[in-house]
Amino acid sequence: MIASRSRRAFGSLNTIPARLFRSSDLSPEMALRFEVALCPKAEVMMGIQTDYAMARARARLPELAATVRRIARDRDRG
């Protein structure tokens, strides 16, 4: 019974573990499905997803910075 309700709400039972165990990013559409099925606001869940994605990107900042050349601003030209 729970499985059939989950399939109706999310389209697939495989979707839920993928989101819960971070093997897939949360899309706005899936956040809305969670909102309808479980009641947390989609915007809150998307905010959490964005925070998580930014934390992952910041962890790679040295690697990313090595591929970017800084553009001097007027005050940096001295």
Protein backbone atom coordinates (compact mmCIF):
# COMPACT_ATOMS: atom_id res chain seq x y z
CA MET A 1 0.00 0.00 0.00
CA ILE A 2 2.78 2.47 0.89
CA ALA A 3 4.68 1.40 -2.23
CA SER A 4 1.72 2.09 -4.50
CA ARG A 5 1.17 5.51 -2.88
CA SER A 6 4.85 6.33 -3.33
CA ARG A 7 4.74 5.31 -6.99
CA ARG A 8 1.74 7.58 -7.56
CA ALA A 9 3.38 10.50 -5.75
CA PHE A 10 6.89 10.21 -7.20
CA GLY A 11 6.55 8.16 -10.35
CA SER A 12 9.06 5.54 -9.17
CA LEU A 13 10.24 4.04 -5.91
CA ASN A 14 13.83 4.37 -7.16
CA THR A 15 13.51 8.16 -7.06
CA ILE A 16 13.22 8.41 -3.29
CA PRO A 17 16.48 6.65 -2.31
CA ALA A 18 18.37 8.50 -5.06
CA ARG A 19 17.32 11.82 -3.53
CA LEU A 20 17.79 10.74 0.07
CA PHE A 21 21.27 9.32 -0.47
CA ARG A 22 22.49 12.21 -2.66
CA SER A 23 23.09 10.18 -5.82
CA SER A 24 20.96 12.71 -7.67
CA ASP A 25 20.29 16.44 -7.26
CA LEU A 26 16.81 17.56 -6.32
CA SER A 27 14.97 19.14 -9.24
CA PRO A 28 12.28 21.80 -8.79
CA GLU A 29 9.71 19.33 -10.12
CA MET A 30 10.72 16.66 -7.61
CA ALA A 31 10.67 19.25 -4.79
CA LEU A 32 7.08 20.04 -5.73
CA ARG A 33 6.23 16.33 -5.69
CA PHE A 34 7.73 16.02 -2.20
CA GLU A 35 5.71 19.09 -1.16
CA VAL A 36 2.46 17.53 -2.38
CA ALA A 37 3.22 14.13 -0.85
CA LEU A 38 4.96 15.06 2.39
CA CYS A 39 4.09 18.75 3.01
CA PRO A 40 7.52 20.43 3.36
CA LYS A 41 7.69 23.56 1.20
CA ALA A 42 9.46 23.05 -2.13
CA GLU A 43 11.34 26.34 -1.70
CA VAL A 44 12.83 25.14 1.58
CA MET A 45 13.98 21.88 0.01
CA MET A 46 15.44 23.73 -2.99
CA GLY A 47 17.29 26.06 -0.60
CA ILE A 48 18.82 23.05 1.14
CA GLN A 49 19.76 21.60 -2.25
CA THR A 50 21.42 24.89 -3.28
CA ASP A 51 23.35 25.10 0.00
CA TYR A 52 24.58 21.54 -0.50
CA ALA A 53 25.60 22.21 -4.11
CA MET A 54 27.48 25.39 -3.09
CA ALA A 55 29.31 23.51 -0.33
CA ARG A 56 30.41 20.89 -2.87
CA ALA A 57 31.57 23.61 -5.27
CA ARG A 58 33.42 25.52 -2.51
CA ALA A 59 35.27 22.35 -1.58
CA ARG A 60 36.62 22.39 -5.16
CA LEU A 61 37.46 26.12 -5.11
CA PRO A 62 41.26 25.71 -5.34
CA GLU A 63 40.85 23.42 -8.34
CA LEU A 64 38.36 25.81 -9.97
CA ALA A 65 40.44 28.92 -9.21
CA ALA A 66 43.44 27.36 -10.95
CA THR A 67 41.50 27.48 -14.22
CA VAL A 68 40.50 31.17 -13.98
CA ARG A 69 42.61 34.25 -14.65
CA ARG A 70 41.78 37.18 -12.36
CA ILE A 71 40.67 40.35 -14.13
CA ALA A 72 42.22 43.45 -12.54
CA ARG A 73 39.80 46.08 -11.27
CA ASP A 74 40.59 49.80 -11.44
CA ARG A 75 41.69 49.91 -7.82
CA ASP A 76 43.99 46.89 -8.37
CA ARG A 77 45.90 48.61 -11.19
CA GLY A 78 47.41 51.12 -8.77
